[in-house]
């Protein structure tokens, strides 16, 4: 799935969540905020760093569920802050005119499915591969999932 489709998916998931503060947000402004939040080099979304942080923080099982074919594990809004940092959450909330609580919940609702949809075509795997230290690093990470 290409970046535009992932951003569209994220925007749609946020618009459809149960928080009234996010349901009326515009698609373009949501896509821009999501891109700013997860933007990496060369206009790519950097989910690889996030997954590495999840693994290092004891959330490897959740990360693996997002990359796998089964049901995606949920993530709490507070964990989103731990992974992304409060400055990124504040910037995301400010860009969309949301409270930080609404912003964290919106990200927590959308992120598992966004990562899941981003992974089948390999772009996420390639990014993770580079950040993990090549085949040896990726093998070491994978062995800890099982």
Protein backbone atom coordinates (compact mmCIF):
# COMPACT_ATOMS: atom_id res chain seq x y z
CA UNK A 1 0.00 0.00 0.00
CA UNK A 2 1.42 3.38 -0.91
CA UNK A 3 1.86 6.30 1.47
CA UNK A 4 -1.16 8.22 0.17
CA UNK A 5 -3.42 5.23 0.83
CA UNK A 6 -1.97 4.72 4.31
CA UNK A 7 -2.54 8.39 5.14
CA UNK A 8 -6.09 8.14 3.76
CA UNK A 9 -6.70 5.04 5.87
CA UNK A 10 -5.39 6.78 9.00
CA UNK A 11 -7.59 9.80 8.37
CA UNK A 12 -10.63 7.61 7.82
CA UNK A 13 -10.01 5.59 10.98
CA UNK A 14 -9.67 8.76 13.04
CA UNK A 15 -12.83 10.26 11.53
CA UNK A 16 -14.76 7.09 12.35
CA UNK A 17 -13.64 6.68 15.96
CA UNK A 18 -15.92 7.37 18.91
CA UNK A 19 -14.44 10.77 19.83
CA UNK A 20 -16.71 13.56 18.59
CA UNK A 21 -13.73 15.93 18.50
CA UNK A 22 -12.16 13.95 15.66
CA UNK A 23 -15.16 12.88 13.60
CA UNK A 24 -15.57 16.25 11.87
CA UNK A 25 -11.91 16.83 11.05
CA UNK A 26 -11.09 17.25 7.38
CA UNK A 27 -9.37 14.44 5.54
CA UNK A 28 -6.59 16.63 4.14
CA UNK A 29 -5.74 18.16 7.51
CA UNK A 30 -5.68 14.71 9.11
CA UNK A 31 -3.43 13.31 6.38
CA UNK A 32 -1.05 16.24 6.84
CA UNK A 33 -0.95 15.82 10.63
CA UNK A 34 -0.36 12.05 10.35
CA UNK A 35 2.40 12.64 7.81
CA UNK A 36 4.05 15.15 10.13
CA UNK A 37 3.74 12.77 13.07
CA UNK A 38 5.27 9.73 11.37
CA UNK A 39 7.28 11.41 8.63
CA UNK A 40 10.68 10.02 7.92
CA UNK A 41 13.30 10.66 5.29
CA UNK A 42 12.35 11.16 1.64
CA UNK A 43 8.64 11.57 2.42
CA UNK A 44 8.27 8.03 3.75
CA UNK A 45 6.39 7.09 6.90
CA UNK A 46 8.79 5.88 9.56
CA UNK A 47 6.98 3.02 11.26
CA UNK A 48 10.23 1.04 11.53
CA UNK A 49 11.59 3.25 14.33
CA UNK A 50 8.28 3.00 16.14
CA UNK A 51 8.30 -0.79 15.94
CA UNK A 52 11.88 -0.89 17.20
CA UNK A 53 10.87 1.27 20.18
CA UNK A 54 7.92 -1.01 20.83
CA UNK A 55 10.14 -4.05 20.88
CA UNK A 56 12.69 -2.38 23.16
CA UNK A 57 9.86 -1.29 25.48
CA UNK A 58 8.42 -4.79 25.89
CA UNK A 59 5.68 -4.39 23.30
CA UNK A 60 7.14 -6.78 20.75
CA UNK A 61 4.04 -8.97 20.81
CA UNK A 62 1.84 -6.01 19.88
CA UNK A 63 4.22 -4.98 17.10
CA UNK A 64 4.29 -8.53 15.75
CA UNK A 65 0.47 -8.63 15.70
CA UNK A 66 0.39 -5.49 13.55
CA UNK A 67 2.81 -7.03 11.07
CA UNK A 68 1.16 -10.46 11.08
CA UNK A 69 -2.05 -11.72 9.55
CA UNK A 70 -4.09 -12.11 12.74
CA UNK A 71 -5.97 -9.54 14.77
CA UNK A 72 -4.07 -6.35 15.61
CA UNK A 73 -3.38 -5.83 19.30
CA UNK A 74 -4.70 -2.57 20.70
CA UNK A 75 -2.39 0.06 22.14
CA UNK A 76 -3.29 2.49 24.91
CA UNK A 77 -3.23 6.25 24.49
CA UNK A 78 -0.67 6.55 27.29
CA UNK A 79 1.62 4.10 25.51
CA UNK A 80 1.38 6.30 22.41
CA UNK A 81 2.88 9.15 24.42
CA UNK A 82 5.69 6.91 25.67
CA UNK A 83 6.52 5.81 22.12
CA UNK A 84 6.21 9.11 20.29
CA UNK A 85 6.99 11.62 23.01
CA UNK A 86 4.82 14.36 24.41
CA UNK A 87 6.23 17.00 22.04
CA UNK A 88 5.02 15.09 18.97
CA UNK A 89 1.62 14.51 20.58
CA UNK A 90 1.31 18.22 21.42
CA UNK A 91 2.24 19.20 17.86
CA UNK A 92 -0.28 16.73 16.39
CA UNK A 93 -3.01 17.98 18.74
CA UNK A 94 -2.21 21.62 18.03
CA UNK A 95 -2.21 21.11 14.26
CA UNK A 96 -5.71 19.61 14.46
CA UNK A 97 -7.11 21.79 17.27
CA UNK A 98 -7.57 18.78 19.56
CA UNK A 99 -6.90 18.14 23.20
CA UNK A 100 -3.88 15.96 23.85
CA UNK A 101 -6.20 13.23 25.16
CA UNK A 102 -8.21 13.22 21.92
CA UNK A 103 -4.99 13.23 19.90
CA UNK A 104 -3.54 10.25 21.79
CA UNK A 105 -6.77 8.29 21.46
CA UNK A 106 -7.02 9.05 17.75
CA UNK A 107 -3.47 7.84 17.15
CA UNK A 108 -4.02 4.73 19.27
CA UNK A 109 -7.16 3.91 17.28
CA UNK A 110 -5.54 4.31 13.85
CA UNK A 111 -1.94 3.18 14.29
CA UNK A 112 -2.31 -0.62 14.47
CA UNK A 113 -4.28 -0.80 11.22
CA UNK A 114 -2.01 1.72 9.49
CA UNK A 115 1.09 -0.34 10.31
CA UNK A 116 -0.72 -3.54 9.37
CA UNK A 117 -1.68 -2.16 5.95
CA UNK A 118 1.79 -0.65 5.42
CA UNK A 119 3.62 -3.93 5.91
CA UNK A 120 2.49 -6.31 3.13
CA UNK A 121 4.35 -4.65 0.27
CA UNK A 122 7.71 -4.70 2.02
CA UNK A 123 8.42 -0.97 2.38
CA UNK A 124 7.97 -1.21 6.12
CA UNK A 125 9.98 -4.40 6.30
CA UNK A 126 12.83 -2.78 4.35
CA UNK A 127 12.82 0.21 6.70
CA UNK A 128 12.74 -2.07 9.73
CA UNK A 129 15.50 -4.18 8.19
CA UNK A 130 17.77 -1.13 7.89
CA UNK A 131 17.02 0.12 11.41
CA UNK A 132 17.48 -3.34 12.96
CA UNK A 133 21.06 -3.66 11.78
CA UNK A 134 20.65 -5.89 8.75
CA UNK A 135 19.87 -9.57 8.71
CA UNK A 136 21.62 -10.33 12.01
CA UNK A 137 19.79 -7.56 13.85
CA UNK A 138 16.46 -8.57 12.37
CA UNK A 139 17.09 -12.20 13.23
CA UNK A 140 17.90 -11.23 16.82
CA UNK A 141 14.68 -9.20 17.06
CA UNK A 142 12.58 -11.97 15.48
CA UNK A 143 13.98 -14.59 17.86
CA UNK A 144 12.74 -12.54 20.80
CA UNK A 145 9.15 -12.68 19.51
CA UNK A 146 9.05 -16.45 19.92
